[in-house]
Amino acid sequence: VIGKIISSNENIKLYDIQVFDENLRTA
């Protein structure tokens, strides 16, 4: 959801950095 909002602009180069695990936890 967040990524598609941002990248709906033309010429957005997205670094997709996953910091949440499979249980949606991060530290």
PDB file of all heavy atoms in Angstrom:
ATOM      1  N   VAL A   1       0.839  -1.200   0.000  1.00  0.00           N
ATOM      2  CA  VAL A   1       0.000   0.000   0.000  1.00  0.00           C
ATOM      3  C   VAL A   1       0.876   1.252   0.000  1.00  0.00           C
ATOM      4  O   VAL A   1       0.679   2.169  -0.820  1.00  0.00           O
ATOM      5  CB  VAL A   1      -0.949   0.013   1.216  1.00  0.00           C
ATOM      6  CG1 VAL A   1      -1.682   1.346   1.309  1.00  0.00           C
ATOM      7  CG2 VAL A   1      -1.957  -1.133   1.112  1.00  0.00           C
ATOM      8  N   ILE A   2       1.844   1.290   0.908  1.00  0.00           N
ATOM      9  CA  ILE A   2       2.718   2.459   1.021  1.00  0.00           C
ATOM     10  C   ILE A   2       3.536   2.624  -0.263  1.00  0.00           C
ATOM     11  O   ILE A   2       3.649   3.730  -0.814  1.00  0.00           O
ATOM     12  CB  ILE A   2       3.670   2.304   2.232  1.00  0.00           C
ATOM     13  CG1 ILE A   2       2.875   2.062   3.516  1.00  0.00           C
ATOM     14  CG2 ILE A   2       4.572   3.522   2.362  1.00  0.00           C
ATOM     15  CD1 ILE A   2       1.814   3.051   3.832  1.00  0.00           C
ATOM     16  N   GLY A   3       4.113   1.521  -0.734  1.00  0.00           N
ATOM     17  CA  GLY A   3       4.960   1.583  -1.920  1.00  0.00           C
ATOM     18  C   GLY A   3       4.215   2.019  -3.168  1.00  0.00           C
ATOM     19  O   GLY A   3       4.748   2.782  -3.988  1.00  0.00           O
ATOM     20  N   LYS A   4       2.987   1.554  -3.347  1.00  0.00           N
ATOM     21  CA  LYS A   4       2.226   1.900  -4.547  1.00  0.00           C
ATOM     22  C   LYS A   4       1.799   3.366  -4.541  1.00  0.00           C
ATOM     23  O   LYS A   4       1.724   4.000  -5.602  1.00  0.00           O
ATOM     24  CB  LYS A   4       1.012   0.972  -4.687  1.00  0.00           C
ATOM     25  CG  LYS A   4       1.401  -0.427  -5.158  1.00  0.00           C
ATOM     26  CD  LYS A   4       0.201  -1.343  -5.311  1.00  0.00           C
ATOM     27  CE  LYS A   4       0.643  -2.718  -5.816  1.00  0.00           C
ATOM     28  NZ  LYS A   4      -0.480  -3.667  -5.922  1.00  0.00           N
ATOM     29  N   ILE A   5       1.513   3.902  -3.366  1.00  0.00           N
ATOM     30  CA  ILE A   5       1.193   5.337  -3.290  1.00  0.00           C
ATOM     31  C   ILE A   5       2.396   6.148  -3.758  1.00  0.00           C
ATOM     32  O   ILE A   5       2.280   7.054  -4.595  1.00  0.00           O
ATOM     33  CB  ILE A   5       0.796   5.737  -1.859  1.00  0.00           C
ATOM     34  CG1 ILE A   5      -0.565   5.141  -1.483  1.00  0.00           C
ATOM     35  CG2 ILE A   5       0.748   7.279  -1.727  1.00  0.00           C
ATOM     36  CD1 ILE A   5      -0.943   5.307  -0.029  1.00  0.00           C
ATOM     37  N   ILE A   6       3.565   5.833  -3.222  1.00  0.00           N
ATOM     38  CA  ILE A   6       4.773   6.593  -3.547  1.00  0.00           C
ATOM     39  C   ILE A   6       5.163   6.418  -5.008  1.00  0.00           C
ATOM     40  O   ILE A   6       5.468   7.395  -5.713  1.00  0.00           O
ATOM     41  CB  ILE A   6       5.938   6.162  -2.641  1.00  0.00           C
ATOM     42  CG1 ILE A   6       5.620   6.482  -1.178  1.00  0.00           C
ATOM     43  CG2 ILE A   6       7.244   6.846  -3.062  1.00  0.00           C
ATOM     44  CD1 ILE A   6       6.564   5.828  -0.191  1.00  0.00           C
ATOM     45  N   SER A   7       5.151   5.183  -5.478  1.00  0.00           N
ATOM     46  CA  SER A   7       5.636   4.901  -6.829  1.00  0.00           C
ATOM     47  C   SER A   7       4.600   5.180  -7.909  1.00  0.00           C
ATOM     48  O   SER A   7       4.856   4.932  -9.093  1.00  0.00           O
ATOM     49  CB  SER A   7       6.119   3.451  -6.923  1.00  0.00           C
ATOM     50  OG  SER A   7       5.081   2.544  -6.634  1.00  0.00           O
ATOM     51  N   SER A   8       3.432   5.712  -7.529  1.00  0.00           N
ATOM     52  CA  SER A   8       2.454   6.111  -8.540  1.00  0.00           C
ATOM     53  C   SER A   8       2.942   7.325  -9.314  1.00  0.00           C
ATOM     54  O   SER A   8       2.445   7.617 -10.400  1.00  0.00           O
ATOM     55  CB  SER A   8       1.092   6.397  -7.896  1.00  0.00           C
ATOM     56  OG  SER A   8       1.173   7.484  -6.998  1.00  0.00           O
ATOM     57  N   ASN A   9       3.908   8.052  -8.758  1.00  0.00           N
ATOM     58  CA  ASN A   9       4.578   9.114  -9.512  1.00  0.00           C
ATOM     59  C   ASN A   9       5.430   8.491 -10.617  1.00  0.00           C
ATOM     60  O   ASN A   9       5.941   7.378 -10.470  1.00  0.00           O
ATOM     61  CB  ASN A   9       5.516   9.921  -8.599  1.00  0.00           C
ATOM     62  CG  ASN A   9       4.770  10.882  -7.708  1.00  0.00           C
ATOM     63  OD1 ASN A   9       3.557  10.938  -7.716  1.00  0.00           O
ATOM     64  ND2 ASN A   9       5.506  11.643  -6.925  1.00  0.00           N
ATOM     65  N   GLU A  10       5.629   9.203 -11.691  1.00  0.00           N
ATOM     66  CA  GLU A  10       6.540   8.738 -12.732  1.00  0.00           C
ATOM     67  C   GLU A  10       7.981   8.809 -12.239  1.00  0.00           C
ATOM     68  O   GLU A  10       8.352   9.706 -11.475  1.00  0.00           O
ATOM     69  CB  GLU A  10       6.400   9.604 -13.992  1.00  0.00           C
ATOM     70  CG  GLU A  10       5.119   9.383 -14.765  1.00  0.00           C
ATOM     71  CD  GLU A  10       5.104  10.159 -16.065  1.00  0.00           C
ATOM     72  OE1 GLU A  10       6.110  10.829 -16.367  1.00  0.00           O
ATOM     73  OE2 GLU A  10       4.089  10.086 -16.771  1.00  0.00           O
ATOM     74  N   ASN A  11       8.785   7.867 -12.712  1.00  0.00           N
ATOM     75  CA  ASN A  11      10.234   7.898 -12.498  1.00  0.00           C
ATOM     76  C   ASN A  11      10.646   7.890 -11.024  1.00  0.00           C
ATOM     77  O   ASN A  11      11.619   8.542 -10.635  1.00  0.00           O
ATOM     78  CB  ASN A  11      10.863   9.103 -13.210  1.00  0.00           C
ATOM     79  CG  ASN A  11      10.643   9.049 -14.702  1.00  0.00           C
ATOM     80  OD1 ASN A  11      10.554   7.969 -15.286  1.00  0.00           O
ATOM     81  ND2 ASN A  11      10.530  10.192 -15.334  1.00  0.00           N
ATOM     82  N   ILE A  12       9.900   7.152 -10.204  1.00  0.00           N
ATOM     83  CA  ILE A  12      10.307   6.914  -8.822  1.00  0.00           C
ATOM     84  C   ILE A  12      11.065   5.583  -8.778  1.00  0.00           C
ATOM     85  O   ILE A  12      10.551   4.552  -9.191  1.00  0.00           O
ATOM     86  CB  ILE A  12       9.093   6.847  -7.873  1.00  0.00           C
ATOM     87  CG1 ILE A  12       8.365   8.188  -7.845  1.00  0.00           C
ATOM     88  CG2 ILE A  12       9.528   6.433  -6.470  1.00  0.00           C
ATOM     89  CD1 ILE A  12       9.192   9.354  -7.308  1.00  0.00           C
ATOM     90  N   LYS A  13      12.297   5.632  -8.308  1.00  0.00           N
ATOM     91  CA  LYS A  13      13.123   4.436  -8.164  1.00  0.00           C
ATOM     92  C   LYS A  13      13.087   4.038  -6.689  1.00  0.00           C
ATOM     93  O   LYS A  13      13.604   4.758  -5.835  1.00  0.00           O
ATOM     94  CB  LYS A  13      14.562   4.713  -8.610  1.00  0.00           C
ATOM     95  CG  LYS A  13      14.673   5.288 -10.020  1.00  0.00           C
ATOM     96  CD  LYS A  13      14.162   4.317 -11.078  1.00  0.00           C
ATOM     97  CE  LYS A  13      14.370   4.862 -12.481  1.00  0.00           C
ATOM     98  NZ  LYS A  13      13.821   3.984 -13.520  1.00  0.00           N
ATOM     99  N   LEU A  14      12.463   2.899  -6.409  1.00  0.00           N
ATOM    100  CA  LEU A  14      12.177   2.509  -5.030  1.00  0.00           C
ATOM    101  C   LEU A  14      13.164   1.468  -4.505  1.00  0.00           C
ATOM    102  O   LEU A  14      13.306   0.391  -5.071  1.00  0.00           O
ATOM    103  CB  LEU A  14      10.754   1.958  -4.958  1.00  0.00           C
ATOM    104  CG  LEU A  14      10.020   2.019  -3.615  1.00  0.00           C
ATOM    105  CD1 LEU A  14       9.786   3.455  -3.187  1.00  0.00           C
ATOM    106  CD2 LEU A  14       8.679   1.284  -3.727  1.00  0.00           C
ATOM    107  N   TYR A  15      13.864   1.821  -3.425  1.00  0.00           N
ATOM    108  CA  TYR A  15      14.628   0.833  -2.655  1.00  0.00           C
ATOM    109  C   TYR A  15      13.638   0.200  -1.676  1.00  0.00           C
ATOM    110  O   TYR A  15      13.165   0.863  -0.749  1.00  0.00           O
ATOM    111  CB  TYR A  15      15.745   1.492  -1.844  1.00  0.00           C
ATOM    112  CG  TYR A  15      16.898   2.051  -2.618  1.00  0.00           C
ATOM    113  CD1 TYR A  15      16.904   3.379  -3.030  1.00  0.00           C
ATOM    114  CD2 TYR A  15      18.018   1.274  -2.909  1.00  0.00           C
ATOM    115  CE1 TYR A  15      17.980   3.918  -3.717  1.00  0.00           C
ATOM    116  CE2 TYR A  15      19.102   1.800  -3.600  1.00  0.00           C
ATOM    117  CZ  TYR A  15      19.075   3.126  -4.000  1.00  0.00           C
ATOM    118  OH  TYR A  15      20.140   3.651  -4.675  1.00  0.00           O
ATOM    119  N   ASP A  16      13.328  -1.058  -1.873  1.00  0.00           N
ATOM    120  CA  ASP A  16      12.361  -1.769  -1.033  1.00  0.00           C
ATOM    121  C   ASP A  16      13.142  -2.513   0.057  1.00  0.00           C
ATOM    122  O   ASP A  16      13.735  -3.557  -0.198  1.00  0.00           O
ATOM    123  CB  ASP A  16      11.559  -2.731  -1.916  1.00  0.00           C
ATOM    124  CG  ASP A  16      10.612  -3.618  -1.133  1.00  0.00           C
ATOM    125  OD1 ASP A  16      10.305  -3.273   0.026  1.00  0.00           O
ATOM    126  OD2 ASP A  16      10.194  -4.648  -1.687  1.00  0.00           O
ATOM    127  N   ILE A  17      13.145  -1.943   1.258  1.00  0.00           N
ATOM    128  CA  ILE A  17      13.949  -2.501   2.351  1.00  0.00           C
ATOM    129  C   ILE A  17      13.016  -3.092   3.408  1.00  0.00           C
ATOM    130  O   ILE A  17      12.306  -2.364   4.108  1.00  0.00           O
ATOM    131  CB  ILE A  17      14.862  -1.426   2.973  1.00  0.00           C
ATOM    132  CG1 ILE A  17      15.744  -0.793   1.888  1.00  0.00           C
ATOM    133  CG2 ILE A  17      15.721  -2.035   4.084  1.00  0.00           C
ATOM    134  CD1 ILE A  17      16.659   0.297   2.389  1.00  0.00           C
ATOM    135  N   GLN A  18      13.035  -4.393   3.528  1.00  0.00           N
ATOM    136  CA  GLN A  18      12.143  -5.096   4.459  1.00  0.00           C
ATOM    137  C   GLN A  18      12.799  -5.162   5.848  1.00  0.00           C
ATOM    138  O   GLN A  18      13.877  -5.718   6.008  1.00  0.00           O
ATOM    139  CB  GLN A  18      11.878  -6.507   3.944  1.00  0.00           C
ATOM    140  CG  GLN A  18      10.860  -7.287   4.751  1.00  0.00           C
ATOM    141  CD  GLN A  18      10.699  -8.702   4.213  1.00  0.00           C
ATOM    142  OE1 GLN A  18      11.649  -9.461   4.148  1.00  0.00           O
ATOM    143  NE2 GLN A  18       9.476  -9.048   3.813  1.00  0.00           N
ATOM    144  N   VAL A  19      12.122  -4.572   6.826  1.00  0.00           N
ATOM    145  CA  VAL A  19      12.650  -4.597   8.198  1.00  0.00           C
ATOM    146  C   VAL A  19      11.716  -5.313   9.163  1.00  0.00           C
ATOM    147  O   VAL A  19      12.028  -5.444  10.346  1.00  0.00           O
ATOM    148  CB  VAL A  19      12.948  -3.170   8.731  1.00  0.00           C
ATOM    149  CG1 VAL A  19      14.070  -2.522   7.946  1.00  0.00           C
ATOM    150  CG2 VAL A  19      11.682  -2.308   8.716  1.00  0.00           C
ATOM    151  N   PHE A  20      10.554  -5.749   8.665  1.00  0.00           N
ATOM    152  CA  PHE A  20       9.612  -6.513   9.491  1.00  0.00           C
ATOM    153  C   PHE A  20       9.729  -7.988   9.144  1.00  0.00           C
ATOM    154  O   PHE A  20       9.877  -8.350   7.980  1.00  0.00           O
ATOM    155  CB  PHE A  20       8.179  -6.047   9.250  1.00  0.00           C
ATOM    156  CG  PHE A  20       7.884  -4.673   9.770  1.00  0.00           C
ATOM    157  CD1 PHE A  20       8.044  -3.561   8.957  1.00  0.00           C
ATOM    158  CD2 PHE A  20       7.460  -4.494  11.071  1.00  0.00           C
ATOM    159  CE1 PHE A  20       7.780  -2.284   9.429  1.00  0.00           C
ATOM    160  CE2 PHE A  20       7.190  -3.226  11.562  1.00  0.00           C
ATOM    161  CZ  PHE A  20       7.356  -2.117  10.740  1.00  0.00           C
ATOM    162  N   ASP A  21       9.641  -8.849  10.158  1.00  0.00           N
ATOM    163  CA  ASP A  21       9.689 -10.282   9.890  1.00  0.00           C
ATOM    164  C   ASP A  21       8.300 -10.780   9.491  1.00  0.00           C
ATOM    165  O   ASP A  21       7.361 -10.000   9.310  1.00  0.00           O
ATOM    166  CB  ASP A  21      10.263 -11.052  11.089  1.00  0.00           C
ATOM    167  CG  ASP A  21       9.374 -10.975  12.338  1.00  0.00           C
ATOM    168  OD1 ASP A  21       8.175 -10.615  12.229  1.00  0.00           O
ATOM    169  OD2 ASP A  21       9.881 -11.280  13.428  1.00  0.00           O
ATOM    170  N   GLU A  22       8.165 -12.108   9.377  1.00  0.00           N
ATOM    171  CA  GLU A  22       6.900 -12.678   8.910  1.00  0.00           C
ATOM    172  C   GLU A  22       5.757 -12.485   9.905  1.00  0.00           C
ATOM    173  O   GLU A  22       4.591 -12.698   9.568  1.00  0.00           O
ATOM    174  CB  GLU A  22       7.089 -14.159   8.599  1.00  0.00           C
ATOM    175  CG  GLU A  22       8.029 -14.392   7.416  1.00  0.00           C
ATOM    176  CD  GLU A  22       8.288 -15.860   7.164  1.00  0.00           C
ATOM    177  OE1 GLU A  22       7.983 -16.670   8.055  1.00  0.00           O
ATOM    178  OE2 GLU A  22       8.795 -16.192   6.088  1.00  0.00           O
ATOM    179  N   ASN A  23       6.073 -12.094  11.129  1.00  0.00           N
ATOM    180  CA  ASN A  23       5.043 -11.815  12.142  1.00  0.00           C
ATOM    181  C   ASN A  23       4.853 -10.318  12.363  1.00  0.00           C
ATOM    182  O   ASN A  23       4.276  -9.904  13.363  1.00  0.00           O
ATOM    183  CB  ASN A  23       5.422 -12.499  13.455  1.00  0.00           C
ATOM    184  CG  ASN A  23       5.459 -14.012  13.325  1.00  0.00           C
ATOM    185  OD1 ASN A  23       4.500 -14.623  12.863  1.00  0.00           O
ATOM    186  ND2 ASN A  23       6.577 -14.623  13.710  1.00  0.00           N
ATOM    187  N   LEU A  24       5.344  -9.527  11.403  1.00  0.00           N
ATOM    188  CA  LEU A  24       5.239  -8.070  11.430  1.00  0.00           C
ATOM    189  C   LEU A  24       5.907  -7.472  12.671  1.00  0.00           C
ATOM    190  O   LEU A  24       5.434  -6.519  13.268  1.00  0.00           O
ATOM    191  CB  LEU A  24       3.770  -7.624  11.344  1.00  0.00           C
ATOM    192  CG  LEU A  24       3.529  -6.260  10.691  1.00  0.00           C
ATOM    193  CD1 LEU A  24       4.079  -6.222   9.267  1.00  0.00           C
ATOM    194  CD2 LEU A  24       2.061  -5.883  10.687  1.00  0.00           C
ATOM    195  N   ARG A  25       7.044  -8.041  13.055  1.00  0.00           N
ATOM    196  CA  ARG A  25       7.827  -7.542  14.168  1.00  0.00           C
ATOM    197  C   ARG A  25       9.118  -6.929  13.637  1.00  0.00           C
ATOM    198  O   ARG A  25       9.694  -7.418  12.661  1.00  0.00           O
ATOM    199  CB  ARG A  25       8.163  -8.669  15.150  1.00  0.00           C
ATOM    200  CG  ARG A  25       6.955  -9.277  15.838  1.00  0.00           C
ATOM    201  CD  ARG A  25       7.355 -10.450  16.708  1.00  0.00           C
ATOM    202  NE  ARG A  25       8.034 -11.479  15.913  1.00  0.00           N
ATOM    203  CZ  ARG A  25       8.298 -12.696  16.365  1.00  0.00           C
ATOM    204  NH1 ARG A  25       7.952 -13.042  17.596  1.00  0.00           N
ATOM    205  NH2 ARG A  25       8.910 -13.586  15.602  1.00  0.00           N
ATOM    206  N   THR A  26       9.563  -5.888  14.301  1.00  0.00           N
ATOM    207  CA  THR A  26      10.845  -5.300  13.977  1.00  0.00           C
ATOM    208  C   THR A  26      11.507  -4.839  15.272  1.00  0.00           C
ATOM    209  O   THR A  26      10.908  -4.901  16.342  1.00  0.00           O
ATOM    210  CB  THR A  26      10.693  -4.121  12.988  1.00  0.00           C
ATOM    211  OG1 THR A  26      11.993  -3.739  12.509  1.00  0.00           O
ATOM    212  CG2 THR A  26      10.015  -2.922  13.645  1.00  0.00           C
ATOM    213  N   ALA A  27      12.751  -4.402  15.166  1.00  0.00           N
ATOM    214  CA  ALA A  27      13.507  -3.951  16.331  1.00  0.00           C
ATOM    215  C   ALA A  27      14.415  -2.810  15.903  1.00  0.00           C
ATOM    216  O   ALA A  27      14.672  -2.625  14.705  1.00  0.00           O
ATOM    217  CB  ALA A  27      14.338  -5.114  16.891  1.00  0.00           C
TER     218      ALA A  27
END
